[in-house]
Protein backbone atom coordinates (compact mmCIF):
# COMPACT_ATOMS: atom_id res chain seq x y z
CA UNK A 1 8.31 33.59 -14.51
CA UNK A 2 9.79 30.57 -16.24
CA UNK A 3 7.52 28.35 -18.29
CA UNK A 4 6.89 24.89 -16.87
CA UNK A 5 9.37 22.38 -18.26
CA UNK A 6 7.87 19.00 -19.23
CA UNK A 7 9.39 16.49 -16.79
CA UNK A 8 11.52 13.66 -18.09
CA UNK A 9 11.00 10.16 -16.72
CA UNK A 10 13.76 9.29 -14.21
CA UNK A 11 15.03 5.79 -13.60
CA UNK A 12 14.10 3.93 -10.43
CA UNK A 13 17.62 2.53 -10.17
CA UNK A 14 18.65 5.81 -8.58
CA UNK A 15 16.65 5.30 -5.39
CA UNK A 16 18.85 6.94 -2.78
CA UNK A 17 17.81 4.94 0.27
CA UNK A 18 20.71 2.50 0.30
CA UNK A 19 23.20 5.28 -0.43
CA UNK A 20 22.03 7.18 2.67
CA UNK A 21 22.00 3.96 4.68
CA UNK A 22 25.57 3.03 3.75
CA UNK A 23 26.90 6.52 4.37
CA UNK A 24 25.42 6.49 7.87
CA UNK A 25 26.76 3.00 8.59
CA UNK A 26 30.24 4.24 7.71
CA UNK A 27 29.93 7.50 9.65
CA UNK A 28 28.02 6.61 12.82
CA UNK A 29 28.74 3.98 15.46
CA UNK A 30 25.39 4.84 17.02
CA UNK A 31 23.55 4.01 13.82
CA UNK A 32 25.48 0.76 13.39
CA UNK A 33 24.54 -0.28 16.91
CA UNK A 34 20.89 0.62 16.40
CA UNK A 35 20.74 -1.29 13.14
CA UNK A 36 22.22 -4.37 14.80
CA UNK A 37 19.50 -4.39 17.45
CA UNK A 38 16.75 -3.73 14.89
CA UNK A 39 17.93 -6.56 12.63
CA UNK A 40 18.22 -9.00 15.53
CA UNK A 41 14.63 -8.22 16.41
CA UNK A 42 13.48 -8.65 12.79
CA UNK A 43 15.17 -12.05 12.68
CA UNK A 44 13.16 -13.23 15.69
CA UNK A 45 9.93 -12.38 13.85
CA UNK A 46 11.19 -13.98 10.63
CA UNK A 47 12.00 -17.23 12.47
CA UNK A 48 8.67 -17.21 14.31
CA UNK A 49 10.31 -16.91 17.73
CA UNK A 50 8.28 -13.76 18.28
CA UNK A 51 4.79 -13.13 16.95
CA UNK A 52 2.99 -9.88 16.38
CA UNK A 53 0.66 -8.54 19.07
CA UNK A 54 -1.14 -6.42 16.47
CA UNK A 55 -4.74 -7.47 15.89
CA UNK A 56 -6.22 -4.63 13.89
CA UNK A 57 -5.46 -2.03 11.27
CA UNK A 58 -3.01 0.70 12.24
CA UNK A 59 -3.52 4.10 10.63
CA UNK A 60 -0.37 6.20 10.49
CA UNK A 61 -0.75 10.02 10.46
CA UNK A 62 1.25 11.68 7.70
CA UNK A 63 2.42 15.23 7.09
CA UNK A 64 3.23 16.06 3.47
CA UNK A 65 5.80 18.82 3.01
CA UNK A 66 5.42 20.24 -0.51
CA UNK A 67 8.63 22.15 -1.33
CA UNK A 68 8.40 23.99 -4.66
CA UNK A 69 10.73 26.29 -6.56
CA UNK A 70 9.29 29.79 -6.85
CA UNK A 71 9.93 29.82 -10.62
CA UNK A 72 8.17 26.50 -11.19
CA UNK A 73 4.73 26.71 -9.57
CA UNK A 74 3.74 23.34 -11.05
CA UNK A 75 5.93 21.78 -8.33
CA UNK A 76 3.43 23.08 -5.76
CA UNK A 77 1.26 20.05 -6.36
CA UNK A 78 -2.46 20.09 -5.75
CA UNK A 79 -4.35 18.54 -2.87
CA UNK A 80 -5.98 16.28 -5.47
CA UNK A 81 -2.57 14.91 -6.47
CA UNK A 82 -1.65 14.38 -2.82
CA UNK A 83 -4.89 12.54 -2.08
CA UNK A 84 -4.41 10.35 -5.15
CA UNK A 85 -1.19 9.10 -3.55
CA UNK A 86 -3.02 8.16 -0.36
CA UNK A 87 -5.55 6.17 -2.36
CA UNK A 88 -2.71 4.14 -3.88
CA UNK A 89 -0.95 3.62 -0.54
CA UNK A 90 -4.08 2.41 1.20
CA UNK A 91 -4.80 -0.02 -1.62
CA UNK A 92 -1.25 -1.33 -1.89
CA UNK A 93 -0.67 -1.86 1.82
CA UNK A 94 -4.06 -3.60 2.21
CA UNK A 95 -3.61 -5.86 -0.86
CA UNK A 96 -6.69 -4.12 -2.26
CA UNK A 97 -4.96 -2.76 -5.35
CA UNK A 98 -7.00 -3.42 -8.53
CA UNK A 99 -3.99 -5.06 -10.24
CA UNK A 100 -3.19 -7.58 -7.47
CA UNK A 101 -4.73 -10.29 -9.66
CA UNK A 102 -1.72 -9.90 -11.98
CA UNK A 103 0.54 -11.57 -9.40
CA UNK A 104 1.69 -14.89 -10.92
CA UNK A 105 -0.31 -17.82 -9.53
CA UNK A 106 2.74 -19.32 -7.78
CA UNK A 107 3.05 -16.24 -5.55
CA UNK A 108 -0.61 -15.42 -4.90
CA UNK A 109 -0.63 -17.40 -1.60
CA UNK A 110 2.20 -15.12 -0.38
CA UNK A 111 0.36 -11.82 -0.94
CA UNK A 112 0.03 -9.97 2.37
CA UNK A 113 -2.54 -7.52 3.63
CA UNK A 114 -0.25 -5.54 5.93
CA UNK A 115 -3.15 -3.97 7.84
CA UNK A 116 -1.40 -0.61 7.60
CA UNK A 117 -3.17 2.51 6.34
CA UNK A 118 -2.15 6.14 6.00
CA UNK A 119 -4.05 9.40 6.40
CA UNK A 120 -3.18 13.06 6.32
CA UNK A 121 -2.71 14.39 9.84
CA UNK A 122 -5.67 16.25 11.32
CA UNK A 123 -3.77 17.77 14.27
CA UNK A 124 -0.42 19.53 14.13
CA UNK A 125 2.25 19.13 16.85
CA UNK A 126 0.62 21.95 18.85
CA UNK A 127 -2.75 20.22 18.83
CA UNK A 128 -4.27 22.64 16.33
CA UNK A 129 -6.39 21.49 13.36
CA UNK A 130 -4.48 20.90 10.12
CA UNK A 131 -5.01 19.47 6.66
CA UNK A 132 -1.68 17.66 7.00
CA UNK A 133 -0.04 19.61 4.18
CA UNK A 134 2.83 22.06 4.64
CA UNK A 135 3.74 24.24 1.64
CA UNK A 136 7.16 25.87 1.35
CA UNK A 137 8.49 27.96 -1.54
CA UNK A 138 12.25 27.68 -2.10
CA UNK A 139 14.95 29.21 -4.26
CA UNK A 140 16.60 25.79 -4.55
CA UNK A 141 16.31 24.32 -8.04
CA UNK A 142 16.45 20.79 -6.67
CA UNK A 143 17.58 18.53 -3.85
CA UNK A 144 19.78 15.44 -3.69
CA UNK A 145 19.96 12.64 -1.10
CA UNK A 146 21.83 14.79 1.43
CA UNK A 147 18.63 15.81 3.27
CA UNK A 148 18.56 19.51 2.33
CA UNK A 149 14.81 19.31 1.76
CA UNK A 150 14.32 18.33 5.41
CA UNK A 151 15.41 21.66 6.91
CA UNK A 152 14.25 25.25 6.47
CA UNK A 153 17.87 26.31 6.94
CA UNK A 154 18.77 24.64 3.64
CA UNK A 155 15.72 25.71 1.66
CA UNK A 156 13.42 22.89 2.71
CA UNK A 157 10.80 22.25 5.39
CA UNK A 158 11.45 21.25 9.00
CA UNK A 159 10.04 17.86 10.03
CA UNK A 160 7.23 17.33 12.48
CA UNK A 161 8.05 14.97 15.39
CA UNK A 162 9.00 11.71 13.71
CA UNK A 163 7.66 9.53 16.53
CA UNK A 164 4.18 10.97 15.93
CA UNK A 165 4.06 11.51 12.16
CA UNK A 166 5.42 9.97 9.00
CA UNK A 167 7.07 12.95 7.31
CA UNK A 168 6.84 12.91 3.51
CA UNK A 169 8.67 15.55 1.48
CA UNK A 170 7.63 16.14 -2.14
CA UNK A 171 10.00 18.21 -4.24
CA UNK A 172 12.22 18.41 -7.31
CA UNK A 173 14.99 15.83 -6.93
CA UNK A 174 18.22 15.97 -8.90
CA UNK A 175 20.36 13.30 -10.52
CA UNK A 176 17.43 11.20 -11.68
CA UNK A 177 16.37 10.34 -8.13
CA UNK A 178 12.80 9.12 -7.73
CA UNK A 179 12.96 9.13 -3.95
CA UNK A 180 14.70 7.95 -0.80
CA UNK A 181 13.73 6.94 2.70
CA UNK A 182 15.11 6.67 6.22
CA UNK A 183 15.48 3.20 7.63
CA UNK A 184 14.43 2.91 11.29
CA UNK A 185 17.33 3.92 13.50
CA UNK A 186 18.30 7.05 11.58
CA UNK A 187 18.32 10.40 13.43
CA UNK A 188 14.85 11.84 14.11
CA UNK A 189 15.47 15.02 12.12
CA UNK A 190 16.19 12.88 9.02
CA UNK A 191 13.35 10.40 9.49
CA UNK A 192 10.76 10.09 6.73
CA UNK A 193 10.57 9.70 2.96
CA UNK A 194 11.33 12.04 0.05
CA UNK A 195 9.56 11.68 -3.31
CA UNK A 196 10.03 13.39 -6.66
CA UNK A 197 6.90 15.47 -7.32
CA UNK A 198 6.37 13.88 -10.76
CA UNK A 199 6.44 10.39 -9.21
CA UNK A 200 3.98 11.24 -6.43
CA UNK A 201 0.36 10.16 -6.87
CA UNK A 202 -1.40 9.58 -10.15
CA UNK A 203 -2.53 13.03 -11.28
CA UNK A 204 -1.04 16.50 -11.74
CA UNK A 205 2.70 16.53 -12.46
CA UNK A 206 2.80 12.71 -12.40
CA UNK A 207 0.34 12.51 -15.29
CA UNK A 208 2.36 13.07 -18.44
CA UNK A 209 2.94 10.86 -21.50
CA UNK A 210 5.66 8.27 -21.18
CA UNK A 211 6.02 8.50 -17.39
CA UNK A 212 6.47 4.91 -16.13
CA UNK A 213 6.24 6.10 -12.50
CA UNK A 214 2.77 7.62 -12.58
CA UNK A 215 1.06 4.98 -10.44
CA UNK A 216 2.09 6.14 -6.96
CA UNK A 217 4.30 3.09 -6.37
CA UNK A 218 7.44 5.12 -5.60
CA UNK A 219 5.89 6.13 -2.27
CA UNK A 220 4.80 2.52 -1.64
CA UNK A 221 8.41 1.41 -2.24
CA UNK A 222 9.99 4.12 -0.06
CA UNK A 223 7.58 3.59 2.83
CA UNK A 224 8.53 -0.09 2.59
CA UNK A 225 12.10 1.04 3.39
CA UNK A 226 10.76 3.25 6.22
CA UNK A 227 9.22 0.07 7.64
CA UNK A 228 12.61 -1.71 7.38
CA UNK A 229 12.28 -3.55 4.07
CA UNK A 230 15.33 -3.95 1.86
CA UNK A 231 15.38 -4.27 -1.91
CA UNK A 232 14.44 -7.81 -2.91
CA UNK A 233 17.78 -8.46 -4.63
CA UNK A 234 19.87 -7.60 -1.56
CA UNK A 235 21.91 -4.79 -3.19
CA UNK A 236 24.93 -6.96 -3.93
CA UNK A 237 25.46 -5.79 -7.54
CA UNK A 238 24.44 -9.09 -9.07
CA UNK A 239 26.67 -11.32 -6.96
CA UNK A 240 23.79 -13.53 -5.69
CA UNK A 241 25.51 -13.58 -2.29
CA UNK A 242 23.16 -11.27 -0.38
CA UNK A 243 19.39 -11.02 -0.09
CA UNK A 244 16.65 -8.96 1.55
CA UNK A 245 16.56 -11.06 4.76
CA UNK A 246 13.07 -12.35 3.89
CA UNK A 247 12.59 -16.08 3.32
CA UNK A 248 9.64 -15.97 0.92
CA UNK A 249 11.20 -13.56 -1.61
CA UNK A 250 13.49 -15.50 -4.00
CA UNK A 251 17.14 -14.54 -4.16
CA UNK A 252 17.79 -12.61 -7.37
CA UNK A 253 20.85 -11.20 -9.07
CA UNK A 254 20.01 -7.52 -9.39
CA UNK A 255 17.24 -4.98 -9.76
CA UNK A 256 14.61 -5.50 -12.44
CA UNK A 257 13.47 -2.50 -14.45
CA UNK A 258 10.77 -1.89 -17.02
CA UNK A 259 8.16 -4.64 -17.40
CA UNK A 260 9.79 -8.10 -17.16
CA UNK A 261 7.97 -11.27 -18.23
CA UNK A 262 7.40 -14.22 -15.93
CA UNK A 263 9.51 -16.19 -15.29
CA UNK A 264 12.74 -14.22 -15.18
CA UNK A 265 15.38 -16.58 -13.81
CA UNK A 266 18.61 -15.43 -12.15
CA UNK A 267 20.76 -16.79 -9.30
CA UNK A 268 19.56 -20.34 -10.11
CA UNK A 269 16.14 -19.38 -8.73
CA UNK A 270 14.08 -21.36 -11.23
CA UNK A 271 11.47 -22.40 -12.04
CA UNK A 272 9.70 -19.25 -10.83
CA UNK A 273 12.62 -16.83 -10.91
CA UNK A 274 12.71 -13.26 -9.62
CA UNK A 275 9.73 -11.82 -7.77
CA UNK A 276 9.81 -8.70 -9.94
CA UNK A 277 6.16 -7.96 -9.12
CA UNK A 278 7.21 -7.05 -5.56
CA UNK A 279 6.99 -3.40 -4.49
CA UNK A 280 10.62 -3.57 -3.36
CA UNK A 281 12.00 -4.18 -6.86
CA UNK A 282 12.64 -1.41 -9.42
CA UNK A 283 10.12 -2.20 -12.13
CA UNK A 284 7.71 0.33 -13.64
CA UNK A 285 4.71 1.24 -11.49
CA UNK A 286 2.46 -0.81 -13.75
CA UNK A 287 4.49 -3.95 -12.98
CA UNK A 288 4.54 -4.09 -9.15
CA UNK A 289 1.63 -5.52 -7.19
CA UNK A 290 2.52 -7.09 -3.83
CA UNK A 291 4.19 -7.35 -0.45
CA UNK A 292 4.76 -10.86 0.96
CA UNK A 293 3.93 -12.40 4.31
CA UNK A 294 7.63 -12.51 5.13
CA UNK A 295 7.92 -8.79 4.43
CA UNK A 296 4.92 -8.23 6.70
CA UNK A 297 6.78 -10.02 9.51
CA UNK A 298 9.62 -7.48 9.14
CA UNK A 299 7.12 -4.61 9.15
CA UNK A 300 5.55 -5.94 12.34
CA UNK A 301 8.97 -6.24 13.97
CA UNK A 302 9.53 -2.60 13.05
CA UNK A 303 6.13 -1.39 14.24
CA UNK A 304 6.50 -3.24 17.53
CA UNK A 305 10.10 -2.14 17.98
CA UNK A 306 11.72 1.07 16.70
CA UNK A 307 8.38 2.50 15.49
CA UNK A 308 6.28 1.29 18.43
CA UNK A 309 5.20 4.88 19.20
CA UNK A 310 2.79 4.72 16.25
CA UNK A 311 1.26 1.45 17.40
CA UNK A 312 0.89 2.61 21.00
CA UNK A 313 -0.64 5.95 19.94
CA UNK A 314 -3.13 4.17 17.69
CA UNK A 315 -4.21 1.89 20.53
CA UNK A 316 -4.75 4.62 23.12
CA UNK A 317 -8.16 5.93 21.90
CA UNK A 318 -9.65 2.43 22.10
CA UNK A 319 -8.22 1.92 25.58
CA UNK A 320 -9.54 5.32 26.67
CA UNK A 321 -12.97 4.37 25.36
CA UNK A 322 -12.84 1.14 27.33
CA UNK A 323 -12.00 3.02 30.51
CA UNK A 324 -14.65 5.72 29.92
CA UNK A 325 -17.50 3.57 28.71
CA UNK A 326 -16.78 0.65 31.02
CA UNK A 327 -18.82 -1.63 28.80
CA UNK A 328 -18.54 -4.57 26.45
CA UNK A 329 -18.53 -2.11 23.54
CA UNK A 330 -15.51 -0.31 24.94
CA UNK A 331 -13.68 -3.56 25.58
CA UNK A 332 -14.46 -4.73 22.06
CA UNK A 333 -13.04 -1.49 20.64
CA UNK A 334 -9.76 -2.08 22.45
CA UNK A 335 -9.68 -5.76 21.52
CA UNK A 336 -9.88 -4.87 17.83
CA UNK A 337 -6.44 -3.33 18.06
CA UNK A 338 -4.33 -4.65 20.93
CA UNK A 339 -5.04 -5.43 24.54
CA UNK A 340 -3.88 -3.28 27.44
CA UNK A 341 -1.22 -5.87 28.20
CA UNK A 342 -0.04 -5.80 24.61
CA UNK A 343 0.34 -2.02 24.69
CA UNK A 344 2.34 -2.32 27.91
CA UNK A 345 4.56 -4.93 26.25
CA UNK A 346 5.08 -2.73 23.20
CA UNK A 347 6.08 0.22 25.34
CA UNK A 348 8.40 -2.03 27.36
CA UNK A 349 9.92 -3.38 24.15
CA UNK A 350 10.52 0.15 22.89
CA UNK A 351 12.26 1.04 26.17
CA UNK A 352 14.27 -2.20 26.04
CA UNK A 353 15.32 -1.44 22.47
CA UNK A 354 16.73 1.90 23.62
CA UNK A 355 18.64 0.24 26.49
CA UNK A 356 20.06 -2.39 24.12
CA UNK A 357 21.25 0.30 21.71
CA UNK A 358 22.93 2.23 24.52
CA UNK A 359 24.62 -0.93 25.78
CA UNK A 360 25.88 -1.72 22.28
CA UNK A 361 27.25 1.80 21.94
CA UNK A 362 29.04 1.52 25.30
CA UNK A 363 30.49 -1.84 24.23
CA UNK A 364 31.84 -0.34 21.03
CA UNK A 365 33.35 2.59 22.90
CA UNK A 366 34.92 0.25 25.46
CA UNK A 367 36.44 -1.83 22.69
CA UNK A 368 37.86 1.23 20.94
CA UNK A 369 39.29 2.53 24.23
CA UNK A 370 40.71 -0.89 25.17
CA UNK A 371 38.70 -1.03 28.39
CA UNK A 372 37.72 -4.43 29.83
CA UNK A 373 34.04 -5.36 29.68
CA UNK A 374 31.53 -7.43 31.65
CA UNK A 375 32.72 -9.82 34.34
CA UNK A 376 36.34 -9.34 33.34
CA UNK A 377 36.03 -5.66 34.32
CA UNK A 378 34.82 -6.69 37.77
CA UNK A 379 37.40 -9.42 38.28
CA UNK A 380 34.82 -12.11 37.61
CA UNK A 381 35.17 -15.31 35.59
CA UNK A 382 33.45 -16.45 32.42
CA UNK A 383 30.95 -19.26 33.02
């Protein structure tokens, strides 16, 4: 058996999320259509034309697939290391992280409690009890961004239903990758996040000298993508012409790495400069502390749109209690999350989203085929 090899710190500027996103945009008309609908919805929330129906904390069930090489048993990370990651996530997404006070004063009013929490699944897809951890031993020495870790056929672990669970894969990644995520709209069998084992949690293989990614913030960052957040600099290679589609995050030239000092000014964004303390930048774990209220609006648009199944599932127990108990206590339990009407609206919105995507796909196909559309196809006139 090979001796464990001390891991070397990777660089966060090899997050693979945008690479996967761009490859799918180029390859799939379906994905392009879905992303158009999702972004139109997010814009409505950003502009305040739609407001969130969510009134309580949503807890998202997670399955962690630990995929380890048989010659490197240290990759089979401990339950303690896994649980340390959940502690970080539930602090970061609730703005309860101990280092949130390090946010520069000018941005403290923008800090958002997203009211999102995460827990290991307690039931598997068959309804049987589970600890929410799947362990797979592989002959693969590592995985890249091409999703091999997400299938048993390619040496990985098959996902659980992605409309019921957030799938997280923890493994050895190659090419310096820290992790990558699926934006909403990607195929169900690819949905979830992938994290390098030595950047997952705060103990075990993440705890070695000189590791700048030992604070669990890689998972915070990647789940931000899963909830439809872009990088704060807009991935335009320093051109200052694109942004993350969030009003309250300043436009910045490119990714920040390491531990910048405030203010760091780019793209004429003085006097406060880049929001390098944001979880969606590329700084060291010890230098990122916040999501903004604008980013929360995008998350809500995602949770009440393409990921509405999680919100509806979380609301059902409270509604069932209301129906069973038939009392003020039951009604109060439901009210703490969303009302019955809100759940109905969320389900309707999810169905409408699907119809809109299908209509967009048909429109694209009609255009490619040169077929007339709309009233023109029926001999009508434009009004």
